[in-house]
C-alpha atoms as a PDB file:
ATOM      1  CA  MET A   1       0.157   0.000  -0.051  1.00  0.00           C
ATOM      2  CA  LEU A   2       1.053   3.586  -0.320  1.00  0.00           C
ATOM      3  CA  ALA A   3       1.690   5.223   2.867  1.00  0.00           C
ATOM      4  CA  THR A   4       2.552   8.819   4.317  1.00  0.00           C
ATOM      5  CA  LEU A   5       5.518   8.927   6.456  1.00  0.00           C
ATOM      6  CA  GLU A   6       3.428   9.302   9.472  1.00  0.00           C
ATOM      7  CA  GLN A   7       1.524   6.019   8.464  1.00  0.00           C
ATOM      8  CA  ALA A   8       4.707   4.097   7.730  1.00  0.00           C
ATOM      9  CA  THR A   9       6.369   5.243  11.244  1.00  0.00           C
ATOM     10  CA  GLU A  10       3.093   4.110  12.964  1.00  0.00           C
ATOM     11  CA  LEU A  11       3.428   0.531  11.425  1.00  0.00           C
ATOM     12  CA  ILE A  12       7.378   0.471  12.372  1.00  0.00           C
ATOM     13  CA  ASN A  13       6.516   1.311  16.058  1.00  0.00           C
ATOM     14  CA  GLN A  14       3.865  -1.297  16.108  1.00  0.00           C
ATOM     15  CA  GLY A  15       6.396  -4.070  15.798  1.00  0.00           C
ATOM     16  CA  LYS A  16       5.162  -4.893  11.967  1.00  0.00           C
ATOM     17  CA  TYR A  17       7.645  -6.680   9.602  1.00  0.00           C
ATOM     18  CA  LEU A  18       7.537  -4.272   6.890  1.00  0.00           C
ATOM     19  CA  HIS A  19       9.211  -3.814   3.136  1.00  0.00           C
ATOM     20  CA  ILE A  20       9.446  -0.279   2.429  1.00  0.00           C
ATOM     21  CA  ALA A  21      10.513   1.552  -1.002  1.00  0.00           C
ATOM     22  CA  GLY A  22      10.563   5.245  -1.580  1.00  0.00           C
ATOM     23  CA  CYS A  23      12.960   8.194  -1.801  1.00  0.00           C
ATOM     24  CA  GLU A  24      15.777   8.717   0.337  1.00  0.00           C
ATOM     25  CA  GLU A  25      14.683  11.407   2.142  1.00  0.00           C
ATOM     26  CA  LEU A  26      11.451   9.626   3.496  1.00  0.00           C
ATOM     27  CA  LEU A  27      13.172   6.427   4.245  1.00  0.00           C
ATOM     28  CA  SER A  28      15.999   8.433   6.282  1.00  0.00           C
ATOM     29  CA  LYS A  29      13.457   9.839   8.531  1.00  0.00           C
ATOM     30  CA  LEU A  30      12.012   6.428   9.762  1.00  0.00           C
ATOM     31  CA  PRO A  31      12.470   4.941  12.925  1.00  0.00           C
ATOM     32  CA  LYS A  32      14.340   1.888  13.573  1.00  0.00           C
ATOM     33  CA  GLY A  33      12.372  -1.235  13.598  1.00  0.00           C
ATOM     34  CA  LYS A  34      11.915  -4.356  11.460  1.00  0.00           C
ATOM     35  CA  TRP A  35      12.015  -3.429   8.148  1.00  0.00           C
ATOM     36  CA  ILE A  36      14.205  -3.062   5.245  1.00  0.00           C
ATOM     37  CA  GLY A  37      13.802  -0.478   2.408  1.00  0.00           C
ATOM     38  CA  GLY A  38      15.327   0.822  -0.941  1.00  0.00           C
ATOM     39  CA  THR A  39      15.449   4.085  -3.058  1.00  0.00           C
ATOM     40  CA  THR A  40      12.739   4.207  -6.003  1.00  0.00           C
ATOM     41  CA  ALA A  41      10.665   7.316  -7.132  1.00  0.00           C
ATOM     42  CA  TYR A  42       8.289   5.112  -9.088  1.00  0.00           C
ATOM     43  CA  PHE A  43       5.746   3.071  -8.019  1.00  0.00           C
ATOM     44  CA  ILE A  44       2.462   0.766  -9.061  1.00  0.00           C
ATOM     45  CA  SER A  45      -0.251   1.882  -6.618  1.00  0.00           C
ATOM     46  CA  GLU A  46      -3.621   0.658  -6.119  1.00  0.00           C
ATOM     47  CA  ASN A  47      -4.593   3.907  -8.441  1.00  0.00           C
ATOM     48  CA  GLY A  48      -1.932   2.897 -11.022  1.00  0.00           C
ATOM     49  CA  GLY A  49       1.483   3.881 -11.995  1.00  0.00           C
ATOM     50  CA  MET A  50       3.066   7.216 -10.570  1.00  0.00           C
ATOM     51  CA  GLN A  51       5.983   9.119  -9.935  1.00  0.00           C
ATOM     52  CA  THR A  52       6.108  10.327  -6.553  1.00  0.00           C
ATOM     53  CA  LYS A  53       8.714  11.655  -3.338  1.00  0.00           C
ATOM     54  CA  GLU A  54       5.402  12.329  -1.104  1.00  0.00           C
ATOM     55  CA  TYR A  55       4.713   8.594  -0.171  1.00  0.00           C
ATOM     56  CA  LEU A  56       6.349   5.219   0.589  1.00  0.00           C
ATOM     57  CA  SER A  57       5.397   1.805  -0.836  1.00  0.00           C
ATOM     58  CA  VAL A  58       4.848  -0.496   2.257  1.00  0.00           C
ATOM     59  CA  HIS A  59       4.068  -4.218   2.340  1.00  0.00           C
ATOM     60  CA  GLU A  60       3.556  -5.811   5.791  1.00  0.00           C
ATOM     61  CA  LEU A  61       5.235  -9.709   5.729  1.00  0.00           C
ATOM     62  CA  SER A  62       2.011 -10.603   7.695  1.00  0.00           C
ATOM     63  CA  PHE A  63       2.862 -14.306   6.928  1.00  0.00           C
ATOM     64  CA  ALA A  64       6.339 -14.477   8.821  1.00  0.00           C
ATOM     65  CA  GLU A  65       6.609 -16.141  12.080  1.00  0.00           C
ATOM     66  CA  GLU A  66       9.587 -14.019  12.953  1.00  0.00           C
ATOM     67  CA  VAL A  67      12.063 -12.434  10.914  1.00  0.00           C
ATOM     68  CA  LYS A  68      16.007 -11.718  10.547  1.00  0.00           C
ATOM     69  CA  ILE A  69      17.788  -8.731   9.135  1.00  0.00           C
ATOM     70  CA  ALA A  70      21.424  -8.660   7.756  1.00  0.00           C
ATOM     71  CA  ASP A  71      23.114  -6.576   5.476  1.00  0.00           C
ATOM     72  CA  TYR A  72      26.474  -7.904   3.202  1.00  0.00           C
ATOM     73  CA  GLY A  73      29.080  -6.414   1.090  1.00  0.00           C
ATOM     74  CA  LYS A  74      30.440  -8.059  -2.385  1.00  0.00           C
ATOM     75  CA  TYR A  75      32.721 -10.131  -0.650  1.00  0.00           C
ATOM     76  CA  ASN A  76      29.843 -12.209   1.576  1.00  0.00           C
ATOM     77  CA  ILE A  77      26.976 -11.377  -0.541  1.00  0.00           C
ATOM     78  CA  PHE A  78      26.296 -15.746  -0.794  1.00  0.00           C
ATOM     79  CA  GLN A  79      26.183 -16.094   2.866  1.00  0.00           C
ATOM     80  CA  ILE A  80      22.734 -15.342   2.516  1.00  0.00           C
ATOM     81  CA  VAL A  81      22.390 -19.414   1.572  1.00  0.00           C
ATOM     82  CA  GLU A  82      24.109 -20.015   5.084  1.00  0.00           C
ATOM     83  CA  GLU A  83      21.967 -17.608   7.070  1.00  0.00           C
ATOM     84  CA  CYS A  84      18.541 -18.156   5.951  1.00  0.00           C
ATOM     85  CA  TYR A  85      15.613 -20.118   7.670  1.00  0.00           C
ATOM     86  CA  ASP A  86      15.303 -23.739   6.525  1.00  0.00           C
ATOM     87  CA  HIS A  87      11.697 -22.859   5.880  1.00  0.00           C
ATOM     88  CA  GLY A  88      11.381 -19.622   4.895  1.00  0.00           C
ATOM     89  CA  LEU A  89      11.735 -16.673   2.340  1.00  0.00           C
ATOM     90  CA  THR A  90      14.952 -14.392   1.901  1.00  0.00           C
ATOM     91  CA  THR A  91      13.635 -10.934   0.649  1.00  0.00           C
ATOM     92  CA  LEU A  92      16.964  -8.879  -0.987  1.00  0.00           C
ATOM     93  CA  ILE A  93      17.625  -5.272  -2.019  1.00  0.00           C
ATOM     94  CA  LEU A  94      20.580  -4.592  -3.794  1.00  0.00           C
ATOM     95  CA  PRO A  95      21.549  -0.915  -4.701  1.00  0.00           C
ATOM     96  CA  PHE A  96      21.970   0.036  -8.404  1.00  0.00           C
ATOM     97  CA  ALA A  97      25.285   0.110 -10.037  1.00  0.00           C
ATOM     98  CA  SER A  98      27.267  -1.516  -6.951  1.00  0.00           C
ATOM     99  CA  GLU A  99      29.804  -3.909  -6.914  1.00  0.00           C
ATOM    100  CA  VAL A 100      27.426  -6.138  -4.738  1.00  0.00           C
ATOM    101  CA  ALA A 101      24.697  -5.909  -7.445  1.00  0.00           C
ATOM    102  CA  ALA A 102      27.651  -6.606 -10.010  1.00  0.00           C
ATOM    103  CA  LYS A 103      28.794  -9.601  -7.783  1.00  0.00           C
ATOM    104  CA  TYR A 104      25.324 -10.943  -7.351  1.00  0.00           C
ATOM    105  CA  ALA A 105      24.252 -10.721 -10.903  1.00  0.00           C
ATOM    106  CA  LYS A 106      27.249 -12.476 -12.314  1.00  0.00           C
ATOM    107  CA  GLU A 107      27.746 -15.227  -9.774  1.00  0.00           C
ATOM    108  CA  ALA A 108      24.170 -16.316  -8.640  1.00  0.00           C
ATOM    109  CA  PRO A 109      23.177 -18.632 -11.565  1.00  0.00           C
ATOM    110  CA  ASP A 110      26.677 -20.892 -10.199  1.00  0.00           C
ATOM    111  CA  VAL A 111      25.630 -20.925  -6.683  1.00  0.00           C
ATOM    112  CA  ASP A 112      23.694 -24.068  -6.637  1.00  0.00           C
ATOM    113  CA  GLU A 113      22.611 -23.960  -3.098  1.00  0.00           C
ATOM    114  CA  LEU A 114      20.683 -20.543  -3.594  1.00  0.00           C
ATOM    115  CA  PHE A 115      18.297 -22.385  -5.630  1.00  0.00           C
ATOM    116  CA  LEU A 116      17.207 -24.421  -2.817  1.00  0.00           C
ATOM    117  CA  HIS A 117      16.068 -21.486  -0.381  1.00  0.00           C
ATOM    118  CA  PRO A 118      13.409 -19.252  -2.214  1.00  0.00           C
ATOM    119  CA  THR A 119      15.096 -16.099  -2.889  1.00  0.00           C
ATOM    120  CA  ALA A 120      13.326 -12.746  -4.159  1.00  0.00           C
ATOM    121  CA  GLY A 121      13.747  -9.002  -4.247  1.00  0.00           C
ATOM    122  CA  TRP A 122      15.074  -6.229  -6.501  1.00  0.00           C
ATOM    123  CA  VAL A 123      17.329  -3.294  -7.246  1.00  0.00           C
ATOM    124  CA  ALA A 124      16.743  -0.027  -5.919  1.00  0.00           C
ATOM    125  CA  GLY A 125      17.160   2.917  -8.190  1.00  0.00           C
ATOM    126  CA  TYR A 126      16.603   6.576  -8.335  1.00  0.00           C
ATOM    127  CA  ASP A 127      14.345   9.411  -9.942  1.00  0.00           C
ATOM    128  CA  TYR A 128      15.735   9.961 -13.588  1.00  0.00           C
ATOM    129  CA  GLU A 129      15.421  13.932 -13.082  1.00  0.00           C
ATOM    130  CA  THR A 130      17.971  13.942 -10.431  1.00  0.00           C
ATOM    131  CA  VAL A 131      20.090  10.842 -10.755  1.00  0.00           C
ATOM    132  CA  ALA A 132      20.948  10.380  -7.014  1.00  0.00           C
ATOM    133  CA  PRO A 133      22.820   7.325  -5.790  1.00  0.00           C
ATOM    134  CA  ALA A 134      20.630   4.501  -5.069  1.00  0.00           C
ATOM    135  CA  LYS A 135      20.518   3.620  -1.423  1.00  0.00           C
ATOM    136  CA  VAL A 136      19.265   0.822   0.655  1.00  0.00           C
ATOM    137  CA  PHE A 137      18.513   0.750   4.297  1.00  0.00           C
ATOM    138  CA  ASN A 138      18.752  -1.692   7.283  1.00  0.00           C
ATOM    139  CA  GLY A 139      15.785  -0.516   9.449  1.00  0.00           C
ATOM    140  CA  GLU A 140      17.032  -2.548  12.466  1.00  0.00           C
ATOM    141  CA  THR A 141      20.376  -0.636  12.636  1.00  0.00           C
ATOM    142  CA  GLY A 142      18.774   2.538  11.008  1.00  0.00           C
ATOM    143  CA  LYS A 143      21.837   2.355   8.555  1.00  0.00           C
ATOM    144  CA  SER A 144      21.890   3.262   4.638  1.00  0.00           C
ATOM    145  CA  PHE A 145      24.163   1.899   1.943  1.00  0.00           C
ATOM    146  CA  GLY A 146      24.919   2.553  -1.653  1.00  0.00           C
ATOM    147  CA  ASP A 147      27.462  -0.347  -1.827  1.00  0.00           C
ATOM    148  CA  ARG A 148      26.049  -3.155   0.096  1.00  0.00           C
ATOM    149  CA  ALA A 149      22.656  -4.996  -0.026  1.00  0.00           C
ATOM    150  CA  VAL A 150      20.099  -5.952   2.701  1.00  0.00           C
ATOM    151  CA  VAL A 151      18.441  -8.750   3.418  1.00  0.00           C
ATOM    152  CA  MET A 152      14.980 -10.066   5.335  1.00  0.00           C
ATOM    153  CA  TYR A 153      14.714 -13.481   5.867  1.00  0.00           C
ATOM    154  CA  SER A 154      11.430 -14.330   6.923  1.00  0.00           C
ATOM    155  CA  LYS A 155      10.320 -17.485   8.858  1.00  0.00           C
ATOM    156  CA  LEU A 156       7.146 -19.669   7.337  1.00  0.00           C
ATOM    157  CA  PRO A 157       4.590 -21.554   9.427  1.00  0.00           C
ATOM    158  CA  GLU A 158       5.008 -25.421   8.762  1.00  0.00           C
ATOM    159  CA  ASP A 159       1.973 -25.597   6.794  1.00  0.00           C
ATOM    160  CA  LYS A 160       2.968 -22.511   4.617  1.00  0.00           C
ATOM    161  CA  ASN A 161       5.101 -22.496   1.496  1.00  0.00           C
ATOM    162  CA  VAL A 162       6.319 -19.783  -0.972  1.00  0.00           C
ATOM    163  CA  LYS A 163       6.242 -19.609  -4.739  1.00  0.00           C
ATOM    164  CA  ILE A 164       8.022 -17.031  -6.766  1.00  0.00           C
ATOM    165  CA  ASN A 165       7.108 -16.516  -9.983  1.00  0.00           C
ATOM    166  CA  ILE A 166       7.754 -14.025 -12.994  1.00  0.00           C
ATOM    167  CA  ILE A 167       5.621 -12.227 -15.644  1.00  0.00           C
ATOM    168  CA  ASN A 168       7.461 -11.793 -18.769  1.00  0.00           C
ATOM    169  CA  ILE A 169       5.478 -10.406 -21.983  1.00  0.00           C
ATOM    170  CA  PHE A 170       8.594 -11.572 -24.288  1.00  0.00           C
ATOM    171  CA  GLU A 171       9.236 -14.879 -26.500  1.00  0.00           C
ATOM    172  CA  GLU A 172      12.171 -16.035 -28.230  1.00  0.00           C
ATOM    173  CA  ASP A 173      12.108 -15.400 -31.864  1.00  0.00           C
ATOM    174  CA  LYS A 174      13.236 -18.415 -33.888  1.00  0.00           C
ATOM    175  CA  GLU A 175      13.982 -16.168 -36.552  1.00  0.00           C
ATOM    176  CA  SER A 176      16.759 -14.570 -34.808  1.00  0.00           C
ATOM    177  CA  PRO A 177      20.290 -15.652 -34.921  1.00  0.00           C
ATOM    178  CA  VAL A 178      22.093 -17.617 -31.954  1.00  0.00           C
ATOM    179  CA  ILE A 179      23.980 -15.328 -30.091  1.00  0.00           C
ATOM    180  CA  THR A 180      26.873 -16.590 -27.662  1.00  0.00           C
ATOM    181  CA  PHE A 181      29.517 -14.725 -25.686  1.00  0.00           C
ATOM    182  CA  PRO A 182      33.064 -15.309 -24.576  1.00  0.00           C
ATOM    183  CA  GLU A 183      32.526 -14.370 -20.971  1.00  0.00           C
ATOM    184  CA  ASN A 184      30.141 -13.484 -18.235  1.00  0.00           C
ATOM    185  CA  THR A 185      29.922  -9.831 -18.714  1.00  0.00           C
ATOM    186  CA  MET A 186      27.579  -6.670 -18.778  1.00  0.00           C
ATOM    187  CA  GLN A 187      29.792  -4.788 -21.183  1.00  0.00           C
ATOM    188  CA  VAL A 188      29.979  -6.918 -24.526  1.00  0.00           C
ATOM    189  CA  GLY A 189      32.224  -6.212 -27.043  1.00  0.00           C
ATOM    190  CA  LYS A 190      33.157  -9.610 -28.800  1.00  0.00           C
ATOM    191  CA  CYS A 191      30.262 -11.953 -29.443  1.00  0.00           C
ATOM    192  CA  PHE A 192      29.360 -14.722 -32.098  1.00  0.00           C
ATOM    193  CA  ILE A 193      26.444 -14.800 -34.248  1.00  0.00           C
ATOM    194  CA  ASN A 194      25.779 -18.292 -35.463  1.00  0.00           C
ATOM    195  CA  GLY A 195      29.435 -19.090 -34.351  1.00  0.00           C
ATOM    196  CA  LYS A 196      30.869 -16.084 -36.378  1.00  0.00           C
ATOM    197  CA  GLU A 197      33.025 -13.414 -34.246  1.00  0.00           C
ATOM    198  CA  GLU A 198      31.460  -9.631 -34.543  1.00  0.00           C
ATOM    199  CA  ASN A 199      31.345  -6.958 -32.200  1.00  0.00           C
ATOM    200  CA  PHE A 200      28.020  -6.685 -30.686  1.00  0.00           C
ATOM    201  CA  ALA A 201      27.510  -2.853 -31.042  1.00  0.00           C
ATOM    202  CA  GLU A 202      28.140  -2.721 -34.560  1.00  0.00           C
ATOM    203  CA  TYR A 203      26.204  -5.864 -35.039  1.00  0.00           C
ATOM    204  CA  ILE A 204      22.844  -4.092 -33.080  1.00  0.00           C
ATOM    205  CA  ARG A 205      23.771  -0.764 -35.234  1.00  0.00           C
ATOM    206  CA  ARG A 206      23.903  -2.788 -38.622  1.00  0.00           C
ATOM    207  CA  ASN A 207      20.621  -4.403 -38.006  1.00  0.00           C
ATOM    208  CA  ARG A 208      18.681  -1.599 -36.464  1.00  0.00           C
ATOM    209  CA  PHE A 209      17.657  -3.499 -33.693  1.00  0.00           C
ATOM    210  CA  ASN A 210      14.983  -2.074 -31.451  1.00  0.00           C
ATOM    211  CA  ILE A 211      16.572  -2.109 -27.951  1.00  0.00           C
ATOM    212  CA  GLN A 212      13.553  -2.386 -26.365  1.00  0.00           C
ATOM    213  CA  ILE A 213      13.515  -5.538 -27.297  1.00  0.00           C
ATOM    214  CA  PRO A 214      15.967  -7.810 -24.739  1.00  0.00           C
ATOM    215  CA  LEU A 215      17.992 -10.530 -25.306  1.00  0.00           C
ATOM    216  CA  ILE A 216      16.553 -13.586 -24.304  1.00  0.00           C
ATOM    217  CA  SER A 217      17.627 -17.295 -23.123  1.00  0.00           C
ATOM    218  CA  GLU A 218      15.652 -20.438 -21.719  1.00  0.00           C
ATOM    219  CA  TYR A 219      16.703 -21.625 -18.153  1.00  0.00           C
ATOM    220  CA  ASN A 220      14.979 -24.537 -17.116  1.00  0.00           C
ATOM    221  CA  GLY A 221      12.137 -24.014 -19.109  1.00  0.00           C
ATOM    222  CA  VAL A 222      11.844 -20.509 -18.313  1.00  0.00           C
ATOM    223  CA  TYR A 223      12.554 -17.481 -20.450  1.00  0.00           C
ATOM    224  CA  ILE A 224      15.157 -14.553 -18.980  1.00  0.00           C
ATOM    225  CA  ASN A 225      15.251 -11.187 -20.196  1.00  0.00           C
ATOM    226  CA  THR A 226      18.646  -9.797 -20.602  1.00  0.00           C
ATOM    227  CA  ALA A 227      18.014  -6.070 -21.605  1.00  0.00           C
ATOM    228  CA  VAL A 228      20.248  -3.674 -23.358  1.00  0.00           C
ATOM    229  CA  LYS A 229      20.923  -0.627 -21.512  1.00  0.00           C
ATOM    230  CA  ALA A 230      23.192   1.429 -23.680  1.00  0.00           C
ATOM    231  CA  ILE A 231      25.000   1.053 -27.191  1.00  0.00           C
ATOM    232  CA  GLY A 232      28.615   2.625 -26.809  1.00  0.00           C
ATOM    233  CA  ILE A 233      30.922   2.906 -30.051  1.00  0.00           C
ATOM    234  CA  PHE A 234      32.607  -0.691 -29.084  1.00  0.00           C
ATOM    235  CA  LYS A 235      30.900  -2.031 -26.446  1.00  0.00           C
ATOM    236  CA  VAL A 236      27.238  -2.828 -25.174  1.00  0.00           C
ATOM    237  CA  GLU A 237      26.093  -1.981 -21.802  1.00  0.00           C
ATOM    238  CA  LEU A 238      23.691  -4.491 -20.462  1.00  0.00           C
ATOM    239  CA  CYS A 239      21.127  -4.351 -17.473  1.00  0.00           C
ATOM    240  CA  ALA A 240      22.461  -8.084 -16.318  1.00  0.00           C
ATOM    241  CA  PRO A 241      24.999 -10.038 -17.290  1.00  0.00           C
ATOM    242  CA  VAL A 242      24.994 -12.596 -20.339  1.00  0.00           C
ATOM    243  CA  PHE A 243      26.837 -15.778 -19.465  1.00  0.00           C
ATOM    244  CA  LYS A 244      29.568 -17.790 -21.461  1.00  0.00           C
ATOM    245  CA  GLY A 245      27.861 -21.161 -22.784  1.00  0.00           C
ATOM    246  CA  VAL A 246      24.817 -19.785 -22.796  1.00  0.00           C
ATOM    247  CA  GLU A 247      22.767 -19.539 -26.300  1.00  0.00           C
ATOM    248  CA  TYR A 248      20.676 -16.094 -26.441  1.00  0.00           C
ATOM    249  CA  ARG A 249      18.309 -14.630 -29.270  1.00  0.00           C
ATOM    250  CA  PHE A 250      16.746 -11.563 -29.402  1.00  0.00           C
ATOM    251  CA  ALA A 251      13.267 -11.649 -28.284  1.00  0.00           C
ATOM    252  CA  ALA A 252      10.493 -11.515 -30.923  1.00  0.00           C
ATOM    253  CA  PRO A 253       8.952  -8.028 -31.485  1.00  0.00           C
ATOM    254  CA  VAL A 254       5.742  -7.130 -29.173  1.00  0.00           C
ATOM    255  CA  ALA A 255       2.954  -5.056 -31.220  1.00  0.00           C
ATOM    256  CA  ASN A 256       1.529  -3.500 -28.232  1.00  0.00           C
ATOM    257  CA  TYR A 257       3.514  -3.622 -24.871  1.00  0.00           C
ATOM    258  CA  GLU A 258       0.952  -2.189 -22.491  1.00  0.00           C
ATOM    259  CA  GLU A 259      -1.550  -4.667 -24.111  1.00  0.00           C
ATOM    260  CA  THR A 260       0.290  -7.604 -24.109  1.00  0.00           C
ATOM    261  CA  PHE A 261       1.486  -7.057 -20.591  1.00  0.00           C
ATOM    262  CA  ARG A 262      -2.591  -6.430 -19.341  1.00  0.00           C
ATOM    263  CA  LYS A 263      -2.809  -9.760 -21.016  1.00  0.00           C
ATOM    264  CA  LYS A 264      -0.103 -11.913 -19.361  1.00  0.00           C
ATOM    265  CA  ILE A 265      -1.206 -10.503 -15.628  1.00  0.00           C
ATOM    266  CA  GLU A 266      -4.908 -11.878 -16.430  1.00  0.00           C
ATOM    267  CA  GLU A 267      -3.534 -15.105 -17.812  1.00  0.00           C
ATOM    268  CA  ALA A 268      -1.095 -15.579 -14.561  1.00  0.00           C
ATOM    269  CA  LYS A 269      -4.582 -15.563 -12.270  1.00  0.00           C
ATOM    270  CA  VAL A 270      -2.930 -14.613  -9.371  1.00  0.00           C
ATOM    271  CA  GLY A 271      -4.899 -14.188  -5.952  1.00  0.00           C
ATOM    272  CA  THR A 272      -3.077 -11.646  -3.567  1.00  0.00           C
ATOM    273  CA  PRO A 273       0.802 -11.401  -3.794  1.00  0.00           C
ATOM    274  CA  ALA A 274       2.827 -11.142  -0.731  1.00  0.00           C
ATOM    275  CA  LEU A 275       5.383  -9.041  -2.593  1.00  0.00           C
ATOM    276  CA  SER A 276       5.906  -7.810  -6.015  1.00  0.00           C
ATOM    277  CA  CYS A 277       8.277  -5.649  -8.295  1.00  0.00           C
ATOM    278  CA  ASN A 278       8.234  -4.319 -11.668  1.00  0.00           C
ATOM    279  CA  CYS A 279      10.553  -3.227 -14.077  1.00  0.00           C
ATOM    280  CA  ILE A 280      11.301   0.489 -15.279  1.00  0.00           C
ATOM    281  CA  LEU A 281      11.691  -0.707 -18.424  1.00  0.00           C
ATOM    282  CA  ASN A 282       8.091  -2.105 -18.450  1.00  0.00           C
ATOM    283  CA  TYR A 283       6.755   0.977 -16.800  1.00  0.00           C
ATOM    284  CA  MET A 284       8.609   3.487 -19.400  1.00  0.00           C
ATOM    285  CA  TYR A 285       8.040   1.312 -22.532  1.00  0.00           C
ATOM    286  CA  GLY A 286       4.475  -0.061 -21.595  1.00  0.00           C
ATOM    287  CA  ASN A 287       3.676   3.732 -20.473  1.00  0.00           C
ATOM    288  CA  LEU A 288       2.280   2.343 -17.177  1.00  0.00           C
ATOM    289  CA  HIS A 289       1.991   5.958 -15.628  1.00  0.00           C
ATOM    290  CA  GLY A 290      -1.700   6.017 -14.169  1.00  0.00           C
ATOM    291  CA  VAL A 291      -1.903   2.543 -15.113  1.00  0.00           C
ATOM    292  CA  LYS A 292      -3.436  -0.459 -12.707  1.00  0.00           C
ATOM    293  CA  THR A 293      -2.293  -3.679 -12.847  1.00  0.00           C
ATOM    294  CA  PRO A 294      -4.236  -5.340 -10.484  1.00  0.00           C
ATOM    295  CA  PRO A 295      -3.443  -7.435  -7.864  1.00  0.00           C
ATOM    296  CA  PHE A 296       0.069  -6.249  -8.021  1.00  0.00           C
ATOM    297  CA  THR A 297       1.377  -3.186  -6.437  1.00  0.00           C
ATOM    298  CA  GLY A 298       5.088  -2.323  -5.115  1.00  0.00           C
ATOM    299  CA  PRO A 299       7.986  -0.484  -6.248  1.00  0.00           C
ATOM    300  CA  VAL A 300       9.370   0.112  -9.621  1.00  0.00           C
ATOM    301  CA  THR A 301      13.003  -1.390  -9.956  1.00  0.00           C
ATOM    302  CA  PHE A 302      15.988  -1.178 -11.474  1.00  0.00           C
ATOM    303  CA  GLY A 303      16.601  -5.001 -11.745  1.00  0.00           C
ATOM    304  CA  GLU A 304      14.304  -7.850 -10.307  1.00  0.00           C
ATOM    305  CA  VAL A 305      15.553 -10.881  -8.192  1.00  0.00           C
ATOM    306  CA  ALA A 306      13.690 -14.340  -8.879  1.00  0.00           C
ATOM    307  CA  TYR A 307      16.927 -16.357  -7.336  1.00  0.00           C
ATOM    308  CA  GLN A 308      18.678 -14.524 -10.073  1.00  0.00           C
ATOM    309  CA  LEU A 309      18.815 -11.064 -11.627  1.00  0.00           C
ATOM    310  CA  MET A 310      16.417 -10.319 -13.984  1.00  0.00           C
ATOM    311  CA  ASN A 311      15.266  -7.398 -16.220  1.00  0.00           C
ATOM    312  CA  GLN A 312      11.966  -6.641 -17.911  1.00  0.00           C
ATOM    313  CA  THR A 313       9.823  -8.478 -15.825  1.00  0.00           C
ATOM    314  CA  LEU A 314       7.553  -8.699 -12.764  1.00  0.00           C
ATOM    315  CA  VAL A 315       8.486 -10.774 -10.033  1.00  0.00           C
ATOM    316  CA  TYR A 316       6.212 -11.768  -7.385  1.00  0.00           C
ATOM    317  CA  CYS A 317       5.728 -13.857  -4.481  1.00  0.00           C
ATOM    318  CA  GLU A 318       2.817 -15.890  -3.328  1.00  0.00           C
ATOM    319  CA  ILE A 319       2.442 -17.788  -0.043  1.00  0.00           C
ATOM    320  CA  VAL A 320       0.489 -21.153  -0.452  1.00  0.00           C
END
């Protein structure tokens, strides 16, 4: 729900377990308590998509029997697989453009134990009008960070389980050539197009690809997007890493982004998600300002976590 600073403060003082998103100014005024938070200026509210610094997006983790809160740097981020509850949910917030976010993005797919523990979350961002650094908040200590991740571990009742899902409007374009990369990286120079070496930036420019359409690959039967952030002279900057040995294609074009997104939400037939977040690229390309996406509300983010880092998706958790 959207809440004023006063309303969020009251919930914290009541001892609620909370996940909070908003601007740094409001987050920094909240009292200590059982909450974690991250910066963004964009939200999907009950009234539709919006940009605001007047409200906070607050979700109560009412399903949790107890919680633990921690923060981690790039050298110990994967301690999350050791310190989580055996039966629970790990909620993770990473600051955009930080070393800890880059490390998580590149290495999470290779941490086998991570996929045994439900892990979801998002990448904190900023207001495009001010471009202030992204921050995350450990509400228990009252500290904020631009170079560490914050985590809330929630213990679930024995008769409850968590399901983490994504909504992705994109599918593989079977006509697109197979693209592979020689290393795990978020800044691509060399690539291989159907086995032939190319410069990726030159290849995109020559073929006039629409960079609103991401690269796509299949992981265990699920399509995962890798969005293009910017095209330089010799390198392409991505919003998430590509991985050596994985086959990619450009996704199939989408005729109507907003309509396709709405249809995918309807097809998912979700009840009441415990948590959800939606990518800033969906917000911009899908023209979601003022658009409602029931039953999903929450922060608009600079990356989503469903075990590993995602782009151009909506990630949500259900307690069943």
